[in-house]
Amino acid sequence: MMPQGIIVFVTTHSEFAPISYQYMVSALTFIDKGLPYDERFRMFEQCLLHYKARNMADMPADDFIVENARATVRVPFATVEYIMTDGPHRLALVTTDCLVYFYGALKEMETLDNRLFRCHQSYIVNTVQMSSYDATQKMIVLKSGKRIPVSRRLVRKVRQLLKGEL
């Protein structure tokens, strides 16, 4: 959903306010230019707060949703750390506060969001959670301190991601 704008008239002709409603222009308010600066500033501030409150409620949650025939998994994307294989056709979604098992394929998971990166045959990592790369152990270190293996062929790409080049 697109944010909705508001109309605020700033004018020296406040007597025209009723006419705007006659033409069905829905203005939030009228601010008289003759008011003292502090009062005008306060009114502008109130208009901006009103706009923010009105449009923040309409913003969709940034959730990670996995849906298949057997399960629907929904967690806040900011908490997703990585997804790993946990047996034939079984995956484990590791978040900062829980572990969720479900059936699926990593190949399907890596296409769900562009912030997910396949760093190993058995792992997909949330690039937002990446903190550093340990070259001696060939591991990605996450913000939580957890370590994820990286395949040799993807080391360069991981370093580029950490530098913000990709």
N, C-alpha and C. Protein backbone atom coordinates (compact mmCIF):
# COMPACT_ATOMS: atom_id res chain seq x y z
N MET A 1 0.84 -1.17 0.00
CA MET A 1 0.00 0.00 0.00
C MET A 1 0.89 1.24 0.00
N MET A 2 0.52 2.21 -0.78
CA MET A 2 1.29 3.45 -0.87
C MET A 2 0.86 4.38 0.27
N PRO A 3 1.84 5.13 0.82
CA PRO A 3 1.47 6.10 1.86
C PRO A 3 0.53 7.16 1.30
N GLN A 4 -0.34 7.65 2.15
CA GLN A 4 -1.29 8.67 1.74
C GLN A 4 -0.78 10.04 2.18
N GLY A 5 -0.84 10.99 1.27
CA GLY A 5 -0.40 12.34 1.57
C GLY A 5 -1.48 13.12 2.30
N ILE A 6 -1.09 14.27 2.80
CA ILE A 6 -2.03 15.17 3.45
C ILE A 6 -1.86 16.55 2.85
N ILE A 7 -2.90 17.35 2.94
CA ILE A 7 -2.85 18.72 2.44
C ILE A 7 -2.96 19.66 3.63
N VAL A 8 -2.02 20.58 3.71
CA VAL A 8 -2.04 21.62 4.74
C VAL A 8 -1.90 22.94 4.01
N PHE A 9 -2.88 23.81 4.18
CA PHE A 9 -2.82 25.13 3.55
C PHE A 9 -2.11 26.09 4.49
N VAL A 10 -1.08 26.75 3.98
CA VAL A 10 -0.39 27.79 4.71
C VAL A 10 -0.70 29.08 3.95
N THR A 11 -1.45 29.96 4.59
CA THR A 11 -1.98 31.09 3.85
C THR A 11 -2.18 32.32 4.74
N THR A 12 -2.29 33.45 4.10
CA THR A 12 -2.68 34.67 4.80
C THR A 12 -4.18 34.91 4.63
N HIS A 13 -4.83 34.06 3.82
CA HIS A 13 -6.25 34.21 3.52
C HIS A 13 -7.06 33.07 4.14
N SER A 14 -7.08 33.00 5.45
CA SER A 14 -7.81 31.92 6.13
C SER A 14 -9.31 32.01 5.91
N GLU A 15 -9.78 33.15 5.42
CA GLU A 15 -11.22 33.28 5.15
C GLU A 15 -11.68 32.37 4.01
N PHE A 16 -10.72 31.87 3.21
CA PHE A 16 -11.08 30.98 2.11
C PHE A 16 -11.18 29.50 2.53
N ALA A 17 -10.93 29.21 3.79
CA ALA A 17 -10.99 27.83 4.29
C ALA A 17 -12.32 27.15 3.99
N PRO A 18 -13.47 27.78 4.28
CA PRO A 18 -14.75 27.12 4.00
C PRO A 18 -14.95 26.81 2.51
N ILE A 19 -14.39 27.64 1.64
CA ILE A 19 -14.54 27.42 0.20
C ILE A 19 -13.84 26.14 -0.24
N SER A 20 -12.68 25.85 0.37
CA SER A 20 -11.96 24.63 -0.02
C SER A 20 -12.80 23.38 0.27
N TYR A 21 -13.55 23.40 1.36
CA TYR A 21 -14.42 22.26 1.66
C TYR A 21 -15.60 22.20 0.70
N GLN A 22 -16.03 23.35 0.25
CA GLN A 22 -17.12 23.40 -0.73
C GLN A 22 -16.69 22.69 -2.02
N TYR A 23 -15.37 22.81 -2.37
CA TYR A 23 -14.84 22.15 -3.57
C TYR A 23 -14.33 20.74 -3.28
N MET A 24 -14.64 20.26 -2.07
CA MET A 24 -14.29 18.90 -1.64
C MET A 24 -12.79 18.64 -1.64
N VAL A 25 -12.03 19.64 -1.25
CA VAL A 25 -10.59 19.47 -1.04
C VAL A 25 -10.42 19.16 0.43
N SER A 26 -9.98 17.97 0.73
CA SER A 26 -9.89 17.59 2.14
C SER A 26 -8.52 17.96 2.69
N ALA A 27 -8.46 19.11 3.31
CA ALA A 27 -7.23 19.59 3.93
C ALA A 27 -7.20 19.16 5.38
N LEU A 28 -6.02 18.84 5.87
CA LEU A 28 -5.87 18.48 7.27
C LEU A 28 -6.10 19.71 8.14
N THR A 29 -5.49 20.81 7.75
CA THR A 29 -5.64 22.04 8.52
C THR A 29 -5.22 23.25 7.68
N PHE A 30 -5.47 24.42 8.25
CA PHE A 30 -5.03 25.69 7.67
C PHE A 30 -4.10 26.34 8.68
N ILE A 31 -2.97 26.78 8.21
CA ILE A 31 -2.02 27.46 9.09
C ILE A 31 -1.91 28.91 8.61
N ASP A 32 -2.22 29.80 9.51
CA ASP A 32 -2.20 31.23 9.17
C ASP A 32 -0.76 31.74 9.24
N LYS A 33 -0.30 32.36 8.15
CA LYS A 33 1.06 32.90 8.10
C LYS A 33 1.27 34.02 9.11
N GLY A 34 0.19 34.60 9.58
CA GLY A 34 0.28 35.70 10.54
C GLY A 34 0.55 35.24 11.97
N LEU A 35 0.48 33.95 12.21
CA LEU A 35 0.74 33.44 13.57
C LEU A 35 2.22 33.60 13.92
N PRO A 36 2.54 33.68 15.21
CA PRO A 36 3.94 33.75 15.62
C PRO A 36 4.69 32.49 15.15
N TYR A 37 5.99 32.65 14.89
CA TYR A 37 6.81 31.57 14.35
C TYR A 37 6.71 30.29 15.19
N ASP A 38 6.81 30.38 16.50
CA ASP A 38 6.77 29.20 17.37
C ASP A 38 5.46 28.42 17.22
N GLU A 39 4.37 29.15 17.11
CA GLU A 39 3.07 28.50 16.97
C GLU A 39 2.94 27.80 15.61
N ARG A 40 3.41 28.48 14.54
CA ARG A 40 3.40 27.86 13.20
C ARG A 40 4.25 26.61 13.20
N PHE A 41 5.44 26.69 13.81
CA PHE A 41 6.35 25.55 13.87
C PHE A 41 5.68 24.36 14.58
N ARG A 42 5.02 24.65 15.70
CA ARG A 42 4.32 23.60 16.45
C ARG A 42 3.23 22.96 15.61
N MET A 43 2.52 23.76 14.83
CA MET A 43 1.46 23.22 13.98
C MET A 43 2.03 22.36 12.86
N PHE A 44 3.14 22.80 12.26
CA PHE A 44 3.81 21.97 11.24
C PHE A 44 4.24 20.63 11.84
N GLU A 45 4.78 20.71 13.03
CA GLU A 45 5.23 19.49 13.72
C GLU A 45 4.06 18.54 13.96
N GLN A 46 2.93 19.07 14.40
CA GLN A 46 1.74 18.25 14.62
C GLN A 46 1.26 17.60 13.32
N CYS A 47 1.32 18.36 12.22
CA CYS A 47 0.92 17.81 10.92
C CYS A 47 1.82 16.65 10.52
N LEU A 48 3.12 16.80 10.73
CA LEU A 48 4.06 15.73 10.39
C LEU A 48 3.85 14.49 11.26
N LEU A 49 3.59 14.71 12.54
CA LEU A 49 3.31 13.58 13.43
C LEU A 49 2.03 12.86 13.03
N HIS A 50 1.03 13.63 12.63
CA HIS A 50 -0.23 13.04 12.16
C HIS A 50 0.02 12.19 10.91
N TYR A 51 0.80 12.74 9.98
CA TYR A 51 1.12 12.01 8.75
C TYR A 51 1.84 10.71 9.07
N LYS A 52 2.83 10.79 9.95
CA LYS A 52 3.60 9.60 10.31
C LYS A 52 2.72 8.54 10.96
N ALA A 53 1.88 8.95 11.89
CA ALA A 53 0.99 8.00 12.58
C ALA A 53 0.03 7.36 11.60
N ARG A 54 -0.46 8.13 10.68
CA ARG A 54 -1.44 7.64 9.70
C ARG A 54 -0.83 6.63 8.73
N ASN A 55 0.42 6.84 8.37
CA ASN A 55 1.04 5.99 7.36
C ASN A 55 1.88 4.85 7.94
N MET A 56 2.34 4.98 9.16
CA MET A 56 3.12 3.90 9.75
C MET A 56 2.24 2.68 10.02
N ALA A 57 0.99 2.89 10.34
CA ALA A 57 0.09 1.78 10.61
C ALA A 57 -0.17 0.98 9.34
N ASP A 58 -0.05 1.63 8.18
CA ASP A 58 -0.32 0.95 6.92
C ASP A 58 0.87 0.16 6.38
N MET A 59 2.05 0.35 6.99
CA MET A 59 3.23 -0.33 6.48
C MET A 59 3.17 -1.82 6.83
N PRO A 60 3.40 -2.68 5.84
CA PRO A 60 3.36 -4.11 6.12
C PRO A 60 4.55 -4.53 6.97
N ALA A 61 4.34 -5.55 7.77
CA ALA A 61 5.43 -6.08 8.58
C ALA A 61 6.43 -6.77 7.68
N ASP A 62 7.70 -6.69 8.05
CA ASP A 62 8.75 -7.33 7.27
C ASP A 62 8.92 -8.75 7.81
N ASP A 63 8.01 -9.62 7.44
CA ASP A 63 8.04 -11.00 7.92
C ASP A 63 8.58 -11.93 6.86
N PHE A 64 9.22 -12.99 7.32
CA PHE A 64 9.69 -14.05 6.45
C PHE A 64 8.65 -15.15 6.52
N ILE A 65 8.04 -15.45 5.38
CA ILE A 65 6.96 -16.43 5.33
C ILE A 65 7.34 -17.56 4.40
N VAL A 66 7.28 -18.77 4.93
CA VAL A 66 7.52 -19.97 4.14
C VAL A 66 6.22 -20.76 4.17
N GLU A 67 5.72 -21.06 2.98
CA GLU A 67 4.45 -21.77 2.90
C GLU A 67 4.62 -22.96 1.97
N ASN A 68 4.25 -24.12 2.44
CA ASN A 68 4.21 -25.30 1.57
C ASN A 68 2.99 -26.13 1.95
N ALA A 69 2.88 -27.30 1.39
CA ALA A 69 1.69 -28.13 1.60
C ALA A 69 1.50 -28.54 3.06
N ARG A 70 2.60 -28.66 3.79
CA ARG A 70 2.51 -29.17 5.16
C ARG A 70 2.55 -28.12 6.26
N ALA A 71 3.08 -26.93 5.95
CA ALA A 71 3.24 -25.95 7.02
C ALA A 71 3.31 -24.52 6.49
N THR A 72 3.02 -23.59 7.37
CA THR A 72 3.22 -22.18 7.10
C THR A 72 4.04 -21.63 8.26
N VAL A 73 5.19 -21.04 7.93
CA VAL A 73 6.08 -20.50 8.94
C VAL A 73 6.19 -19.00 8.71
N ARG A 74 5.97 -18.22 9.79
CA ARG A 74 6.07 -16.77 9.68
C ARG A 74 6.85 -16.23 10.88
N VAL A 75 7.98 -15.59 10.58
CA VAL A 75 8.81 -14.97 11.63
C VAL A 75 9.27 -13.60 11.13
N PRO A 76 9.55 -12.67 12.03
CA PRO A 76 10.09 -11.38 11.59
C PRO A 76 11.43 -11.59 10.87
N PHE A 77 11.58 -10.99 9.69
CA PHE A 77 12.79 -11.21 8.91
C PHE A 77 14.04 -10.76 9.65
N ALA A 78 13.92 -9.73 10.46
CA ALA A 78 15.09 -9.22 11.19
C ALA A 78 15.67 -10.26 12.14
N THR A 79 14.87 -11.25 12.54
CA THR A 79 15.37 -12.27 13.46
C THR A 79 15.96 -13.49 12.75
N VAL A 80 15.73 -13.62 11.44
CA VAL A 80 16.24 -14.78 10.69
C VAL A 80 17.76 -14.70 10.62
N GLU A 81 18.44 -15.77 11.06
CA GLU A 81 19.89 -15.83 10.96
C GLU A 81 20.32 -16.67 9.76
N TYR A 82 19.81 -17.91 9.72
CA TYR A 82 20.16 -18.77 8.59
C TYR A 82 19.17 -19.92 8.48
N ILE A 83 19.25 -20.59 7.33
CA ILE A 83 18.45 -21.79 7.07
C ILE A 83 19.43 -22.87 6.70
N MET A 84 19.24 -24.06 7.25
CA MET A 84 20.16 -25.16 6.93
C MET A 84 19.39 -26.45 6.69
N THR A 85 20.02 -27.37 5.97
CA THR A 85 19.40 -28.67 5.77
C THR A 85 19.51 -29.47 7.06
N ASP A 86 18.49 -30.27 7.33
CA ASP A 86 18.47 -31.06 8.56
C ASP A 86 17.96 -32.47 8.27
N GLY A 87 18.34 -32.99 7.13
CA GLY A 87 17.88 -34.30 6.73
C GLY A 87 17.29 -34.23 5.34
N PRO A 88 16.89 -35.36 4.79
CA PRO A 88 16.31 -35.36 3.46
C PRO A 88 15.03 -34.51 3.38
N HIS A 89 15.04 -33.49 2.58
CA HIS A 89 13.90 -32.61 2.35
C HIS A 89 13.43 -31.88 3.61
N ARG A 90 14.26 -31.85 4.62
CA ARG A 90 13.90 -31.19 5.87
C ARG A 90 14.86 -30.03 6.13
N LEU A 91 14.31 -28.88 6.50
CA LEU A 91 15.11 -27.69 6.74
C LEU A 91 14.93 -27.19 8.17
N ALA A 92 15.92 -26.47 8.65
CA ALA A 92 15.83 -25.83 9.96
C ALA A 92 16.02 -24.33 9.76
N LEU A 93 15.06 -23.56 10.20
CA LEU A 93 15.14 -22.10 10.15
C LEU A 93 15.62 -21.66 11.53
N VAL A 94 16.80 -21.05 11.57
CA VAL A 94 17.38 -20.62 12.83
C VAL A 94 17.21 -19.10 12.94
N THR A 95 16.51 -18.68 13.99
CA THR A 95 16.33 -17.25 14.24
C THR A 95 17.06 -16.89 15.53
N THR A 96 17.04 -15.63 15.88
CA THR A 96 17.73 -15.20 17.09
C THR A 96 17.09 -15.77 18.35
N ASP A 97 15.81 -16.19 18.26
CA ASP A 97 15.14 -16.67 19.46
C ASP A 97 14.42 -18.01 19.33
N CYS A 98 14.47 -18.64 18.15
CA CYS A 98 13.81 -19.95 18.04
C CYS A 98 14.41 -20.76 16.88
N LEU A 99 14.01 -22.00 16.84
CA LEU A 99 14.44 -22.94 15.81
C LEU A 99 13.18 -23.60 15.27
N VAL A 100 12.96 -23.50 13.95
CA VAL A 100 11.75 -24.03 13.35
C VAL A 100 12.13 -25.05 12.28
N TYR A 101 11.55 -26.24 12.39
CA TYR A 101 11.80 -27.29 11.40
C TYR A 101 10.62 -27.35 10.43
N PHE A 102 10.91 -27.55 9.16
CA PHE A 102 9.86 -27.69 8.16
C PHE A 102 10.43 -28.42 6.95
N TYR A 103 9.54 -28.84 6.07
CA TYR A 103 9.95 -29.56 4.87
C TYR A 103 10.06 -28.58 3.70
N GLY A 104 11.08 -28.77 2.89
CA GLY A 104 11.30 -27.92 1.73
C GLY A 104 12.69 -28.15 1.16
N ALA A 105 13.07 -27.28 0.24
CA ALA A 105 14.39 -27.37 -0.39
C ALA A 105 15.08 -26.02 -0.30
N LEU A 106 16.40 -26.04 -0.07
CA LEU A 106 17.15 -24.80 0.01
C LEU A 106 17.05 -24.00 -1.29
N LYS A 107 16.97 -24.72 -2.40
CA LYS A 107 16.88 -24.05 -3.70
C LYS A 107 15.65 -23.13 -3.75
N GLU A 108 14.55 -23.55 -3.15
CA GLU A 108 13.34 -22.73 -3.10
C GLU A 108 13.52 -21.56 -2.13
N MET A 109 14.18 -21.79 -1.02
CA MET A 109 14.33 -20.77 0.02
C MET A 109 15.19 -19.60 -0.45
N GLU A 110 16.25 -19.88 -1.20
CA GLU A 110 17.16 -18.80 -1.58
C GLU A 110 16.52 -17.80 -2.54
N THR A 111 15.41 -18.16 -3.17
CA THR A 111 14.74 -17.24 -4.10
C THR A 111 13.65 -16.41 -3.42
N LEU A 112 13.37 -16.67 -2.15
CA LEU A 112 12.28 -15.98 -1.45
C LEU A 112 12.59 -14.51 -1.15
N ASP A 113 13.85 -14.17 -0.92
CA ASP A 113 14.21 -12.80 -0.56
C ASP A 113 15.63 -12.53 -1.02
N ASN A 114 15.89 -11.33 -1.53
CA ASN A 114 17.23 -11.03 -2.03
C ASN A 114 18.25 -10.80 -0.91
N ARG A 115 17.81 -10.77 0.33
CA ARG A 115 18.74 -10.66 1.46
C ARG A 115 19.26 -12.02 1.90
N LEU A 116 18.72 -13.09 1.32
CA LEU A 116 19.19 -14.43 1.62
C LEU A 116 20.28 -14.81 0.62
N PHE A 117 21.35 -15.42 1.13
CA PHE A 117 22.49 -15.77 0.28
C PHE A 117 22.91 -17.21 0.55
N ARG A 118 23.02 -17.99 -0.50
CA ARG A 118 23.47 -19.39 -0.40
C ARG A 118 24.98 -19.38 -0.29
N CYS A 119 25.50 -19.61 0.90
CA CYS A 119 26.94 -19.54 1.14
C CYS A 119 27.60 -20.91 1.17
N HIS A 120 26.79 -21.95 1.17
CA HIS A 120 27.31 -23.31 1.29
C HIS A 120 26.24 -24.25 0.74
N GLN A 121 26.63 -25.45 0.42
CA GLN A 121 25.69 -26.43 -0.11
C GLN A 121 24.51 -26.66 0.84
N SER A 122 24.75 -26.53 2.14
CA SER A 122 23.72 -26.82 3.13
C SER A 122 23.22 -25.61 3.91
N TYR A 123 23.68 -24.41 3.55
CA TYR A 123 23.32 -23.22 4.33
C TYR A 123 22.93 -22.03 3.46
N ILE A 124 21.92 -21.30 3.93
CA ILE A 124 21.56 -20.00 3.38
C ILE A 124 21.62 -19.04 4.56
N VAL A 125 22.29 -17.92 4.37
CA VAL A 125 22.45 -16.97 5.46
C VAL A 125 21.70 -15.67 5.15
N ASN A 126 21.20 -15.04 6.19
CA ASN A 126 20.59 -13.71 6.06
C ASN A 126 21.75 -12.72 6.07
N THR A 127 21.98 -12.03 4.96
CA THR A 127 23.13 -11.14 4.83
C THR A 127 23.10 -9.99 5.84
N VAL A 128 21.92 -9.63 6.31
CA VAL A 128 21.80 -8.56 7.30
C VAL A 128 22.42 -8.99 8.63
N GLN A 129 22.41 -10.28 8.89
CA GLN A 129 22.95 -10.81 10.16
C GLN A 129 24.46 -11.05 10.12
N MET A 130 25.08 -10.93 8.93
CA MET A 130 26.51 -11.20 8.81
C MET A 130 27.32 -10.11 9.49
N SER A 131 28.31 -10.53 10.28
CA SER A 131 29.15 -9.58 11.00
C SER A 131 30.56 -9.54 10.41
N SER A 132 31.15 -10.73 10.18
CA SER A 132 32.50 -10.78 9.65
C SER A 132 32.75 -12.13 9.00
N TYR A 133 33.95 -12.27 8.43
CA TYR A 133 34.34 -13.53 7.81
C TYR A 133 35.66 -13.97 8.42
N ASP A 134 35.71 -15.20 8.89
CA ASP A 134 36.92 -15.78 9.46
C ASP A 134 37.60 -16.60 8.38
N ALA A 135 38.68 -16.07 7.81
CA ALA A 135 39.36 -16.71 6.68
C ALA A 135 40.09 -17.99 7.08
N THR A 136 40.55 -18.07 8.32
CA THR A 136 41.29 -19.26 8.73
C THR A 136 40.37 -20.48 8.81
N GLN A 137 39.14 -20.28 9.25
CA GLN A 137 38.19 -21.39 9.35
C GLN A 137 37.17 -21.41 8.23
N LYS A 138 37.24 -20.43 7.33
CA LYS A 138 36.27 -20.29 6.23
C LYS A 138 34.83 -20.30 6.77
N MET A 139 34.58 -19.37 7.69
CA MET A 139 33.27 -19.28 8.33
C MET A 139 32.79 -17.83 8.37
N ILE A 140 31.48 -17.67 8.17
CA ILE A 140 30.84 -16.38 8.37
C ILE A 140 30.51 -16.30 9.85
N VAL A 141 30.83 -15.16 10.46
CA VAL A 141 30.48 -14.94 11.86
C VAL A 141 29.27 -14.01 11.87
N LEU A 142 28.20 -14.47 12.51
CA LEU A 142 26.98 -13.68 12.60
C LEU A 142 27.03 -12.73 13.79
N LYS A 143 26.12 -11.77 13.82
CA LYS A 143 26.07 -10.80 14.91
C LYS A 143 25.90 -11.47 16.26
N SER A 144 25.23 -12.62 16.27
CA SER A 144 25.00 -13.36 17.51
C SER A 144 26.23 -14.17 17.93
N GLY A 145 27.24 -14.25 17.06
CA GLY A 145 28.43 -15.03 17.36
C GLY A 145 28.41 -16.42 16.73
N LYS A 146 27.26 -16.82 16.19
CA LYS A 146 27.18 -18.13 15.53
C LYS A 146 28.04 -18.11 14.27
N ARG A 147 28.51 -19.30 13.88
CA ARG A 147 29.39 -19.43 12.72
C ARG A 147 28.74 -20.32 11.67
N ILE A 148 28.85 -19.89 10.41
CA ILE A 148 28.26 -20.59 9.28
C ILE A 148 29.38 -20.91 8.29
N PRO A 149 29.47 -22.16 7.81
CA PRO A 149 30.52 -22.49 6.85
C PRO A 149 30.29 -21.82 5.48
N VAL A 150 31.39 -21.56 4.79
CA VAL A 150 31.35 -20.97 3.46
C VAL A 150 32.11 -21.87 2.51
N SER A 151 31.52 -22.16 1.35
CA SER A 151 32.23 -22.98 0.37
C SER A 151 33.36 -22.16 -0.24
N ARG A 152 34.42 -22.83 -0.66
CA ARG A 152 35.60 -22.14 -1.20
C ARG A 152 35.25 -21.24 -2.37
N ARG A 153 34.37 -21.68 -3.24
CA ARG A 153 34.06 -20.90 -4.44
C ARG A 153 33.26 -19.63 -4.14
N LEU A 154 32.69 -19.51 -2.94
CA LEU A 154 31.88 -18.34 -2.61
C LEU A 154 32.55 -17.37 -1.64
N VAL A 155 33.80 -17.62 -1.30
CA VAL A 155 34.51 -16.76 -0.36
C VAL A 155 34.57 -15.32 -0.87
N ARG A 156 34.92 -15.14 -2.14
CA ARG A 156 35.04 -13.79 -2.70
C ARG A 156 33.70 -13.05 -2.63
N LYS A 157 32.61 -13.75 -2.94
CA LYS A 157 31.28 -13.14 -2.90
C LYS A 157 30.90 -12.73 -1.47
N VAL A 158 31.25 -13.56 -0.50
CA VAL A 158 30.95 -13.25 0.90
C VAL A 158 31.70 -11.98 1.31
N ARG A 159 32.95 -11.88 0.93
CA ARG A 159 33.74 -10.68 1.26
C ARG A 159 33.14 -9.45 0.61
N GLN A 160 32.67 -9.58 -0.63
CA GLN A 160 32.04 -8.45 -1.32
C GLN A 160 30.76 -8.03 -0.61
N LEU A 161 29.98 -9.01 -0.17
CA LEU A 161 28.74 -8.71 0.58
C LEU A 161 29.04 -7.94 1.86
N LEU A 162 30.08 -8.37 2.56
CA LEU A 162 30.44 -7.69 3.80
C LEU A 162 30.94 -6.27 3.56
N LYS A 163 31.56 -6.04 2.42
CA LYS A 163 32.04 -4.69 2.09
C LYS A 163 30.91 -3.82 1.55
N GLY A 164 29.77 -4.44 1.21
CA GLY A 164 28.65 -3.70 0.67
C GLY A 164 28.75 -3.48 -0.82
N GLU A 165 29.56 -4.28 -1.50
CA GLU A 165 29.77 -4.12 -2.94
C GLU A 165 28.68 -4.79 -3.76
N LEU A 166 27.97 -5.74 -3.18
CA LEU A 166 26.91 -6.44 -3.93
C LEU A 166 25.55 -6.01 -3.49
